[in-house]
C-alpha atoms as a PDB file:
ATOM      1  CA  UNK A   1      12.902  16.868  -0.190  1.00  0.00           C
ATOM      2  CA  UNK A   2       9.963  15.865   1.450  1.00  0.00           C
ATOM      3  CA  UNK A   3       9.924  12.320   2.870  1.00  0.00           C
ATOM      4  CA  UNK A   4       6.989   9.980   2.255  1.00  0.00           C
ATOM      5  CA  UNK A   5       6.838   7.139   4.279  1.00  0.00           C
ATOM      6  CA  UNK A   6       5.371   3.901   3.326  1.00  0.00           C
ATOM      7  CA  UNK A   7       3.149   1.532   5.317  1.00  0.00           C
ATOM      8  CA  UNK A   8       4.888  -0.986   7.157  1.00  0.00           C
ATOM      9  CA  UNK A   9       5.665  -2.203  10.729  1.00  0.00           C
ATOM     10  CA  UNK A  10       8.493  -0.920  12.955  1.00  0.00           C
ATOM     11  CA  UNK A  11      10.795  -3.815  12.221  1.00  0.00           C
ATOM     12  CA  UNK A  12      11.207  -2.777   8.565  1.00  0.00           C
ATOM     13  CA  UNK A  13      12.842   0.105   6.903  1.00  0.00           C
ATOM     14  CA  UNK A  14      10.816   3.239   6.552  1.00  0.00           C
ATOM     15  CA  UNK A  15      11.012   3.679   2.512  1.00  0.00           C
ATOM     16  CA  UNK A  16      10.299   6.888   1.054  1.00  0.00           C
ATOM     17  CA  UNK A  17      10.525   8.583  -2.511  1.00  0.00           C
ATOM     18  CA  UNK A  18      11.431  12.238  -2.956  1.00  0.00           C
ATOM     19  CA  UNK A  19       8.987  14.647  -3.549  1.00  0.00           C
ATOM     20  CA  UNK A  20      10.766  15.313  -6.533  1.00  0.00           C
ATOM     21  CA  UNK A  21       9.922  12.075  -7.875  1.00  0.00           C
ATOM     22  CA  UNK A  22       7.830  12.412 -11.419  1.00  0.00           C
ATOM     23  CA  UNK A  23       4.454  11.069 -10.117  1.00  0.00           C
ATOM     24  CA  UNK A  24       3.463  11.197 -14.006  1.00  0.00           C
ATOM     25  CA  UNK A  25       5.589   8.564 -15.025  1.00  0.00           C
ATOM     26  CA  UNK A  26       5.403   5.170 -12.724  1.00  0.00           C
ATOM     27  CA  UNK A  27       8.398   4.027 -14.416  1.00  0.00           C
ATOM     28  CA  UNK A  28      10.975   5.985 -12.967  1.00  0.00           C
ATOM     29  CA  UNK A  29      10.529   6.004  -8.964  1.00  0.00           C
ATOM     30  CA  UNK A  30      13.171   4.633  -6.610  1.00  0.00           C
ATOM     31  CA  UNK A  31      12.491   4.185  -2.753  1.00  0.00           C
ATOM     32  CA  UNK A  32      15.288   4.976  -0.181  1.00  0.00           C
ATOM     33  CA  UNK A  33      15.535   3.940   3.389  1.00  0.00           C
ATOM     34  CA  UNK A  34      18.578   4.900   6.021  1.00  0.00           C
ATOM     35  CA  UNK A  35      19.511   2.665   8.693  1.00  0.00           C
ATOM     36  CA  UNK A  36      22.457   3.511  11.043  1.00  0.00           C
ATOM     37  CA  UNK A  37      25.476   3.774   8.654  1.00  0.00           C
ATOM     38  CA  UNK A  38      23.766   2.824   5.512  1.00  0.00           C
ATOM     39  CA  UNK A  39      21.184   3.909   2.953  1.00  0.00           C
ATOM     40  CA  UNK A  40      19.194   1.433   1.088  1.00  0.00           C
ATOM     41  CA  UNK A  41      17.905   2.031  -2.594  1.00  0.00           C
ATOM     42  CA  UNK A  42      15.231  -0.009  -4.245  1.00  0.00           C
ATOM     43  CA  UNK A  43      12.928   0.090  -7.103  1.00  0.00           C
ATOM     44  CA  UNK A  44       9.156   1.093  -6.096  1.00  0.00           C
ATOM     45  CA  UNK A  45       7.704  -0.893  -8.974  1.00  0.00           C
ATOM     46  CA  UNK A  46       9.498  -4.377  -7.888  1.00  0.00           C
ATOM     47  CA  UNK A  47      10.106  -4.240  -4.147  1.00  0.00           C
ATOM     48  CA  UNK A  48      10.312  -7.996  -3.979  1.00  0.00           C
ATOM     49  CA  UNK A  49      14.465  -7.375  -5.564  1.00  0.00           C
ATOM     50  CA  UNK A  50      16.730  -6.925  -2.670  1.00  0.00           C
ATOM     51  CA  UNK A  51      17.696  -3.055  -2.426  1.00  0.00           C
ATOM     52  CA  UNK A  52      21.247  -2.386  -2.786  1.00  0.00           C
ATOM     53  CA  UNK A  53      23.010  -0.562   0.002  1.00  0.00           C
ATOM     54  CA  UNK A  54      25.574   2.232   0.152  1.00  0.00           C
ATOM     55  CA  UNK A  55      27.127   4.456   2.634  1.00  0.00           C
ATOM     56  CA  UNK A  56      25.846   7.768   3.463  1.00  0.00           C
ATOM     57  CA  UNK A  57      28.968   9.391   2.334  1.00  0.00           C
ATOM     58  CA  UNK A  58      28.884   7.220  -1.390  1.00  0.00           C
ATOM     59  CA  UNK A  59      24.648   8.362  -1.153  1.00  0.00           C
ATOM     60  CA  UNK A  60      25.817  12.051  -0.706  1.00  0.00           C
ATOM     61  CA  UNK A  61      28.014  12.046  -3.408  1.00  0.00           C
ATOM     62  CA  UNK A  62      25.679  10.556  -6.024  1.00  0.00           C
ATOM     63  CA  UNK A  63      22.957  13.139  -4.967  1.00  0.00           C
ATOM     64  CA  UNK A  64      25.455  15.740  -5.089  1.00  0.00           C
ATOM     65  CA  UNK A  65      26.479  14.489  -8.812  1.00  0.00           C
ATOM     66  CA  UNK A  66      22.797  13.997  -9.700  1.00  0.00           C
ATOM     67  CA  UNK A  67      21.437  17.279  -8.926  1.00  0.00           C
ATOM     68  CA  UNK A  68      24.151  18.980 -10.926  1.00  0.00           C
ATOM     69  CA  UNK A  69      23.673  17.313 -14.035  1.00  0.00           C
END
């Protein structure tokens, strides 16, 4: 996975989309940002909605599950 940081100042999380995101469909993207101890996930089409936050363990389990299905 290649991180593609989004623009923003240093006080905001650095959001990125996976290089595996399907850019042919603008309806299927999420963005992820990490902070110490948490992973934040948001809808890239509506960044005004607050992201949800999970632990690194929960995120790793999700990614493992998603990559095998």
